[in-house]
Amino acid sequence: MDIKEIFELLPHRFPFLLVDRIKEFSKGEYIVCIKNCTINEPFFQGHFPNEPIMPGVLILEAMAQAGILFAKKTDPALKDALMVFAGIDRVKFRRPVCPGDQLELRLSLIKQKALIWKMKGEAIVDGNIVTEAELMAAIQKDRS
């Protein structure tokens, strides 16, 4: 999946788009996405100037975006749906993510019921888990 398809499925744009490409996808099972972390990322300027580290909440946001891609690729009827964070559990940060790291975001389906998708997520750098969490996404109903 290239960036054009990611743009079609995610409403996020620079500087808040945190998925660069899809590496693997298995409908209804899992997705593997890539986020390349470069020193040009705006958050590295202030977090922290002499010791740049990707904020943990942005690693979780990248996982959430990968999860939305997974849901929308699994169920094409969701293509234009707005999906939002509904919950997060069992978060563990194991090591910092720094400029030059390539984050591999792996999400697998735990369960899907009605408007809620629950997924297990792992962020991996060089074969090592740096962050793990269980994430829930909800389909936002039309508020008009």
N, C-alpha and C. Protein backbone atom coordinates (compact mmCIF):
# COMPACT_ATOMS: atom_id res chain seq x y z
N MET A 1 0.85 -1.18 0.00
CA MET A 1 0.00 0.00 0.00
C MET A 1 0.89 1.23 0.00
N ASP A 2 0.67 2.13 -0.93
CA ASP A 2 1.49 3.33 -1.00
C ASP A 2 0.82 4.49 -0.27
N ILE A 3 1.51 5.61 -0.23
CA ILE A 3 1.04 6.77 0.52
C ILE A 3 -0.27 7.31 -0.04
N LYS A 4 -0.51 7.15 -1.32
CA LYS A 4 -1.76 7.63 -1.91
C LYS A 4 -2.96 6.90 -1.30
N GLU A 5 -2.84 5.61 -1.13
CA GLU A 5 -3.94 4.84 -0.52
C GLU A 5 -4.08 5.18 0.96
N ILE A 6 -2.97 5.41 1.63
CA ILE A 6 -3.03 5.83 3.04
C ILE A 6 -3.79 7.15 3.15
N PHE A 7 -3.51 8.10 2.22
CA PHE A 7 -4.23 9.37 2.21
C PHE A 7 -5.73 9.17 1.99
N GLU A 8 -6.10 8.17 1.20
CA GLU A 8 -7.51 7.90 0.95
C GLU A 8 -8.23 7.37 2.19
N LEU A 9 -7.49 6.68 3.06
CA LEU A 9 -8.12 6.02 4.20
C LEU A 9 -7.99 6.77 5.52
N LEU A 10 -6.94 7.58 5.65
CA LEU A 10 -6.73 8.33 6.90
C LEU A 10 -6.99 9.81 6.67
N PRO A 11 -7.65 10.48 7.62
CA PRO A 11 -7.85 11.92 7.49
C PRO A 11 -6.61 12.73 7.91
N HIS A 12 -5.64 12.10 8.55
CA HIS A 12 -4.46 12.79 9.07
C HIS A 12 -3.56 13.29 7.93
N ARG A 13 -2.89 14.42 8.19
CA ARG A 13 -1.93 14.98 7.26
C ARG A 13 -0.74 15.51 8.05
N PHE A 14 0.34 15.83 7.35
CA PHE A 14 1.53 16.37 8.00
C PHE A 14 1.14 17.57 8.84
N PRO A 15 1.66 17.71 10.03
CA PRO A 15 2.70 16.88 10.66
C PRO A 15 2.15 15.74 11.51
N PHE A 16 0.86 15.42 11.37
CA PHE A 16 0.27 14.42 12.25
C PHE A 16 0.04 13.07 11.61
N LEU A 17 0.39 12.90 10.35
CA LEU A 17 0.32 11.58 9.73
C LEU A 17 1.55 10.81 10.18
N LEU A 18 1.34 9.68 10.87
CA LEU A 18 2.46 8.95 11.48
C LEU A 18 2.63 7.54 10.92
N VAL A 19 2.13 7.31 9.71
CA VAL A 19 2.34 6.04 9.02
C VAL A 19 2.87 6.37 7.62
N ASP A 20 3.99 5.78 7.26
CA ASP A 20 4.60 6.05 5.95
C ASP A 20 4.21 5.03 4.89
N ARG A 21 4.04 3.77 5.31
CA ARG A 21 3.62 2.76 4.34
C ARG A 21 3.12 1.51 5.05
N ILE A 22 2.44 0.69 4.28
CA ILE A 22 1.96 -0.60 4.78
C ILE A 22 2.90 -1.67 4.23
N LYS A 23 3.43 -2.46 5.14
CA LYS A 23 4.37 -3.52 4.76
C LYS A 23 3.64 -4.84 4.51
N GLU A 24 2.70 -5.17 5.40
CA GLU A 24 1.93 -6.41 5.28
C GLU A 24 0.50 -6.17 5.74
N PHE A 25 -0.41 -6.96 5.17
CA PHE A 25 -1.81 -6.88 5.58
C PHE A 25 -2.46 -8.23 5.35
N SER A 26 -3.19 -8.70 6.35
CA SER A 26 -3.99 -9.91 6.21
C SER A 26 -5.39 -9.57 6.71
N LYS A 27 -6.34 -9.56 5.81
CA LYS A 27 -7.71 -9.13 6.10
C LYS A 27 -8.26 -9.83 7.34
N GLY A 28 -8.69 -9.02 8.31
CA GLY A 28 -9.30 -9.53 9.53
C GLY A 28 -8.32 -10.13 10.53
N GLU A 29 -7.02 -10.14 10.21
CA GLU A 29 -6.03 -10.74 11.11
C GLU A 29 -5.02 -9.72 11.64
N TYR A 30 -4.26 -9.09 10.74
CA TYR A 30 -3.19 -8.19 11.20
C TYR A 30 -2.78 -7.21 10.11
N ILE A 31 -2.02 -6.20 10.53
CA ILE A 31 -1.40 -5.25 9.61
C ILE A 31 -0.02 -4.92 10.17
N VAL A 32 0.93 -4.65 9.29
CA VAL A 32 2.26 -4.20 9.66
C VAL A 32 2.54 -2.92 8.88
N CYS A 33 2.78 -1.84 9.60
CA CYS A 33 3.03 -0.53 8.99
C CYS A 33 4.43 -0.05 9.37
N ILE A 34 4.91 0.91 8.61
CA ILE A 34 6.23 1.49 8.84
C ILE A 34 6.10 2.99 9.10
N LYS A 35 6.81 3.46 10.11
CA LYS A 35 6.98 4.90 10.38
C LYS A 35 8.47 5.16 10.46
N ASN A 36 8.99 5.95 9.52
CA ASN A 36 10.40 6.33 9.54
C ASN A 36 10.56 7.57 10.41
N CYS A 37 11.39 7.48 11.42
CA CYS A 37 11.60 8.59 12.35
C CYS A 37 12.87 9.34 11.94
N THR A 38 12.69 10.59 11.51
CA THR A 38 13.84 11.38 11.10
C THR A 38 13.98 12.59 12.01
N ILE A 39 15.16 13.14 12.04
CA ILE A 39 15.43 14.32 12.89
C ILE A 39 14.58 15.50 12.43
N ASN A 40 14.04 15.46 11.22
CA ASN A 40 13.20 16.54 10.70
C ASN A 40 11.80 16.56 11.31
N GLU A 41 11.44 15.54 12.09
CA GLU A 41 10.11 15.53 12.73
C GLU A 41 10.01 16.73 13.67
N PRO A 42 8.91 17.48 13.62
CA PRO A 42 8.81 18.68 14.45
C PRO A 42 8.89 18.41 15.95
N PHE A 43 8.44 17.26 16.40
CA PHE A 43 8.44 16.97 17.84
C PHE A 43 9.85 16.79 18.41
N PHE A 44 10.82 16.39 17.57
CA PHE A 44 12.18 16.20 18.07
C PHE A 44 12.84 17.52 18.49
N GLN A 45 12.38 18.63 17.95
CA GLN A 45 12.97 19.93 18.29
C GLN A 45 12.79 20.26 19.78
N GLY A 46 11.66 19.86 20.34
CA GLY A 46 11.40 20.21 21.73
C GLY A 46 11.35 19.04 22.67
N HIS A 47 11.52 17.81 22.16
CA HIS A 47 11.38 16.60 23.00
C HIS A 47 12.55 15.65 22.72
N PHE A 48 13.65 15.84 23.14
CA PHE A 48 14.23 16.93 23.91
C PHE A 48 15.38 17.48 23.09
N PRO A 49 15.68 18.80 23.16
CA PRO A 49 16.67 19.40 22.27
C PRO A 49 18.03 18.70 22.26
N ASN A 50 18.54 18.27 23.40
CA ASN A 50 19.85 17.63 23.43
C ASN A 50 19.79 16.11 23.46
N GLU A 51 18.61 15.57 23.56
CA GLU A 51 18.41 14.12 23.62
C GLU A 51 17.08 13.79 22.95
N PRO A 52 17.00 13.88 21.60
CA PRO A 52 15.72 13.72 20.92
C PRO A 52 15.12 12.32 21.10
N ILE A 53 13.87 12.30 21.58
CA ILE A 53 13.13 11.05 21.81
C ILE A 53 11.71 11.25 21.29
N MET A 54 11.19 10.28 20.57
CA MET A 54 9.80 10.36 20.10
C MET A 54 8.87 10.23 21.30
N PRO A 55 7.95 11.19 21.47
CA PRO A 55 7.01 11.09 22.60
C PRO A 55 6.20 9.79 22.56
N GLY A 56 6.05 9.18 23.71
CA GLY A 56 5.31 7.92 23.80
C GLY A 56 3.89 8.03 23.27
N VAL A 57 3.24 9.16 23.52
CA VAL A 57 1.87 9.32 23.03
C VAL A 57 1.82 9.33 21.50
N LEU A 58 2.90 9.77 20.85
CA LEU A 58 2.92 9.75 19.39
C LEU A 58 3.20 8.34 18.85
N ILE A 59 3.92 7.53 19.61
CA ILE A 59 4.08 6.12 19.23
C ILE A 59 2.71 5.45 19.29
N LEU A 60 1.96 5.73 20.35
CA LEU A 60 0.61 5.17 20.47
C LEU A 60 -0.30 5.70 19.37
N GLU A 61 -0.17 6.96 19.02
CA GLU A 61 -0.96 7.53 17.92
C GLU A 61 -0.62 6.84 16.60
N ALA A 62 0.66 6.57 16.36
CA ALA A 62 1.06 5.85 15.14
C ALA A 62 0.42 4.46 15.12
N MET A 63 0.40 3.80 16.29
CA MET A 63 -0.25 2.49 16.37
C MET A 63 -1.74 2.61 16.07
N ALA A 64 -2.37 3.65 16.61
CA ALA A 64 -3.80 3.86 16.38
C ALA A 64 -4.09 4.10 14.89
N GLN A 65 -3.25 4.89 14.23
CA GLN A 65 -3.43 5.13 12.80
C GLN A 65 -3.29 3.83 12.01
N ALA A 66 -2.32 3.00 12.39
CA ALA A 66 -2.17 1.69 11.74
C ALA A 66 -3.42 0.85 11.97
N GLY A 67 -3.98 0.94 13.17
CA GLY A 67 -5.20 0.19 13.48
C GLY A 67 -6.39 0.65 12.64
N ILE A 68 -6.48 1.96 12.39
CA ILE A 68 -7.56 2.47 11.54
C ILE A 68 -7.38 1.95 10.11
N LEU A 69 -6.15 1.96 9.62
CA LEU A 69 -5.89 1.40 8.29
C LEU A 69 -6.30 -0.06 8.23
N PHE A 70 -5.97 -0.81 9.30
CA PHE A 70 -6.34 -2.23 9.36
C PHE A 70 -7.86 -2.40 9.27
N ALA A 71 -8.60 -1.63 10.08
CA ALA A 71 -10.06 -1.75 10.09
C ALA A 71 -10.66 -1.39 8.74
N LYS A 72 -10.18 -0.30 8.15
CA LYS A 72 -10.73 0.15 6.88
C LYS A 72 -10.37 -0.76 5.72
N LYS A 73 -9.19 -1.38 5.78
CA LYS A 73 -8.83 -2.35 4.74
C LYS A 73 -9.61 -3.65 4.92
N THR A 74 -9.89 -4.01 6.18
CA THR A 74 -10.65 -5.23 6.45
C THR A 74 -12.11 -5.06 6.03
N ASP A 75 -12.69 -3.89 6.33
CA ASP A 75 -14.09 -3.63 6.01
C ASP A 75 -14.18 -2.38 5.13
N PRO A 76 -14.17 -2.54 3.82
CA PRO A 76 -14.19 -1.39 2.91
C PRO A 76 -15.39 -0.45 3.11
N ALA A 77 -16.45 -0.91 3.75
CA ALA A 77 -17.61 -0.05 4.03
C ALA A 77 -17.23 1.08 5.00
N LEU A 78 -16.11 0.93 5.69
CA LEU A 78 -15.65 1.94 6.65
C LEU A 78 -14.78 3.02 6.00
N LYS A 79 -14.55 2.91 4.69
CA LYS A 79 -13.59 3.80 4.00
C LYS A 79 -13.76 5.27 4.39
N ASP A 80 -14.98 5.77 4.43
CA ASP A 80 -15.21 7.19 4.71
C ASP A 80 -15.60 7.45 6.17
N ALA A 81 -15.61 6.42 7.00
CA ALA A 81 -15.99 6.57 8.41
C ALA A 81 -14.88 7.26 9.20
N LEU A 82 -15.29 8.06 10.18
CA LEU A 82 -14.32 8.64 11.11
C LEU A 82 -14.17 7.67 12.27
N MET A 83 -12.93 7.22 12.49
CA MET A 83 -12.64 6.32 13.61
C MET A 83 -11.77 7.07 14.61
N VAL A 84 -12.10 6.91 15.90
CA VAL A 84 -11.40 7.63 16.96
C VAL A 84 -10.95 6.67 18.04
N PHE A 85 -9.96 7.11 18.83
CA PHE A 85 -9.52 6.36 20.00
C PHE A 85 -10.70 6.14 20.93
N ALA A 86 -10.87 4.93 21.42
CA ALA A 86 -11.93 4.64 22.39
C ALA A 86 -11.35 4.15 23.71
N GLY A 87 -10.10 3.71 23.69
CA GLY A 87 -9.48 3.24 24.91
C GLY A 87 -8.11 2.66 24.63
N ILE A 88 -7.37 2.55 25.70
CA ILE A 88 -6.02 1.98 25.61
C ILE A 88 -5.70 1.31 26.94
N ASP A 89 -5.17 0.11 26.87
CA ASP A 89 -4.84 -0.66 28.07
C ASP A 89 -3.48 -1.31 27.92
N ARG A 90 -2.91 -1.71 29.05
CA ARG A 90 -1.69 -2.51 29.11
C ARG A 90 -0.54 -1.91 28.30
N VAL A 91 -0.34 -0.61 28.46
CA VAL A 91 0.74 0.08 27.74
C VAL A 91 2.06 -0.15 28.46
N LYS A 92 3.08 -0.47 27.68
CA LYS A 92 4.44 -0.61 28.21
C LYS A 92 5.40 0.04 27.23
N PHE A 93 6.24 0.92 27.76
CA PHE A 93 7.32 1.53 26.97
C PHE A 93 8.61 0.86 27.41
N ARG A 94 9.29 0.22 26.47
CA ARG A 94 10.47 -0.57 26.82
C ARG A 94 11.79 0.15 26.55
N ARG A 95 11.81 1.00 25.53
CA ARG A 95 13.01 1.80 25.25
C ARG A 95 12.63 2.99 24.39
N PRO A 96 13.44 4.04 24.41
CA PRO A 96 13.12 5.23 23.61
C PRO A 96 13.23 4.98 22.11
N VAL A 97 12.50 5.77 21.35
CA VAL A 97 12.58 5.78 19.89
C VAL A 97 13.24 7.10 19.52
N CYS A 98 14.30 7.01 18.71
CA CYS A 98 15.16 8.16 18.41
C CYS A 98 15.22 8.41 16.91
N PRO A 99 15.70 9.59 16.51
CA PRO A 99 15.88 9.85 15.08
C PRO A 99 16.73 8.76 14.44
N GLY A 100 16.31 8.35 13.25
CA GLY A 100 17.02 7.28 12.54
C GLY A 100 16.38 5.92 12.74
N ASP A 101 15.53 5.78 13.77
CA ASP A 101 14.84 4.51 13.98
C ASP A 101 13.72 4.35 12.96
N GLN A 102 13.48 3.11 12.59
CA GLN A 102 12.32 2.78 11.77
C GLN A 102 11.37 1.98 12.65
N LEU A 103 10.21 2.55 12.89
CA LEU A 103 9.20 1.88 13.71
C LEU A 103 8.40 0.94 12.83
N GLU A 104 8.34 -0.30 13.25
CA GLU A 104 7.46 -1.27 12.60
C GLU A 104 6.26 -1.41 13.53
N LEU A 105 5.09 -1.06 13.05
CA LEU A 105 3.87 -1.07 13.83
C LEU A 105 3.06 -2.31 13.47
N ARG A 106 2.92 -3.22 14.42
CA ARG A 106 2.18 -4.47 14.18
C ARG A 106 0.91 -4.44 15.01
N LEU A 107 -0.22 -4.55 14.34
CA LEU A 107 -1.49 -4.62 15.04
C LEU A 107 -2.25 -5.85 14.61
N SER A 108 -2.81 -6.55 15.58
CA SER A 108 -3.61 -7.73 15.28
C SER A 108 -4.95 -7.61 15.99
N LEU A 109 -5.96 -8.16 15.36
CA LEU A 109 -7.31 -8.06 15.89
C LEU A 109 -7.49 -8.96 17.11
N ILE A 110 -7.99 -8.37 18.19
CA ILE A 110 -8.40 -9.15 19.36
C ILE A 110 -9.87 -9.48 19.20
N LYS A 111 -10.69 -8.43 18.97
CA LYS A 111 -12.11 -8.66 18.68
C LYS A 111 -12.71 -7.41 18.07
N GLN A 112 -13.80 -7.63 17.35
CA GLN A 112 -14.55 -6.55 16.74
C GLN A 112 -16.02 -6.80 17.05
N LYS A 113 -16.65 -5.80 17.64
CA LYS A 113 -18.05 -5.94 18.02
C LYS A 113 -18.75 -4.61 17.78
N ALA A 114 -19.79 -4.64 16.98
CA ALA A 114 -20.56 -3.44 16.64
C ALA A 114 -19.63 -2.35 16.13
N LEU A 115 -19.52 -1.24 16.86
CA LEU A 115 -18.73 -0.10 16.40
C LEU A 115 -17.32 -0.06 16.99
N ILE A 116 -16.95 -1.07 17.76
CA ILE A 116 -15.65 -1.08 18.47
C ILE A 116 -14.72 -2.14 17.89
N TRP A 117 -13.48 -1.73 17.65
CA TRP A 117 -12.42 -2.63 17.21
C TRP A 117 -11.35 -2.63 18.31
N LYS A 118 -11.01 -3.81 18.82
CA LYS A 118 -9.95 -3.93 19.83
C LYS A 118 -8.77 -4.67 19.20
N MET A 119 -7.57 -4.08 19.35
CA MET A 119 -6.38 -4.64 18.72
C MET A 119 -5.20 -4.67 19.68
N LYS A 120 -4.35 -5.64 19.46
CA LYS A 120 -3.07 -5.71 20.19
C LYS A 120 -2.04 -5.05 19.29
N GLY A 121 -1.29 -4.12 19.87
CA GLY A 121 -0.30 -3.41 19.10
C GLY A 121 1.10 -3.57 19.66
N GLU A 122 2.05 -3.62 18.75
CA GLU A 122 3.47 -3.63 19.11
C GLU A 122 4.20 -2.67 18.18
N ALA A 123 5.07 -1.87 18.76
CA ALA A 123 5.98 -1.03 17.98
C ALA A 123 7.37 -1.64 18.15
N ILE A 124 8.02 -1.90 17.03
CA ILE A 124 9.28 -2.64 17.03
C ILE A 124 10.35 -1.83 16.31
N VAL A 125 11.56 -1.80 16.87
CA VAL A 125 12.72 -1.19 16.23
C VAL A 125 13.83 -2.23 16.23
N ASP A 126 14.38 -2.50 15.07
CA ASP A 126 15.48 -3.47 14.93
C ASP A 126 15.16 -4.81 15.59
N GLY A 127 13.92 -5.27 15.44
CA GLY A 127 13.54 -6.58 15.97
C GLY A 127 13.20 -6.59 17.45
N ASN A 128 13.28 -5.44 18.12
CA ASN A 128 12.99 -5.37 19.55
C ASN A 128 11.72 -4.57 19.80
N ILE A 129 10.85 -5.10 20.66
CA ILE A 129 9.63 -4.37 21.01
C ILE A 129 10.01 -3.16 21.85
N VAL A 130 9.57 -1.97 21.39
CA VAL A 130 9.83 -0.74 22.13
C VAL A 130 8.58 -0.26 22.87
N THR A 131 7.42 -0.59 22.34
CA THR A 131 6.15 -0.21 22.96
C THR A 131 5.12 -1.29 22.64
N GLU A 132 4.27 -1.57 23.62
CA GLU A 132 3.15 -2.48 23.36
C GLU A 132 1.92 -1.95 24.08
N ALA A 133 0.75 -2.28 23.52
CA ALA A 133 -0.50 -1.79 24.09
C ALA A 133 -1.68 -2.53 23.46
N GLU A 134 -2.80 -2.48 24.15
CA GLU A 134 -4.08 -2.88 23.57
C GLU A 134 -4.84 -1.60 23.29
N LEU A 135 -5.30 -1.44 22.06
CA LEU A 135 -5.97 -0.21 21.65
C LEU A 135 -7.39 -0.51 21.20
N MET A 136 -8.29 0.43 21.46
CA MET A 136 -9.65 0.31 20.98
C MET A 136 -9.98 1.52 20.11
N ALA A 137 -10.58 1.26 18.97
CA ALA A 137 -11.03 2.31 18.08
C ALA A 137 -12.54 2.19 17.94
N ALA A 138 -13.19 3.34 17.84
CA ALA A 138 -14.65 3.37 17.68
C ALA A 138 -15.00 4.10 16.41
N ILE A 139 -16.02 3.61 15.75
CA ILE A 139 -16.54 4.29 14.58
C ILE A 139 -17.43 5.42 15.08
N GLN A 140 -17.06 6.64 14.72
CA GLN A 140 -17.82 7.82 15.14
C GLN A 140 -19.10 7.89 14.33
N LYS A 141 -20.23 7.87 15.00
CA LYS A 141 -21.50 8.00 14.30
C LYS A 141 -21.66 9.40 13.74
N ASP A 142 -22.40 9.51 12.69
CA ASP A 142 -22.68 10.82 12.08
C ASP A 142 -23.33 11.73 13.11
N ARG A 143 -22.71 12.89 13.32
CA ARG A 143 -23.21 13.81 14.35
C ARG A 143 -24.03 14.94 13.75
N SER A 144 -24.39 14.84 12.49
CA SER A 144 -25.16 15.93 11.87
C SER A 144 -26.63 15.87 12.20
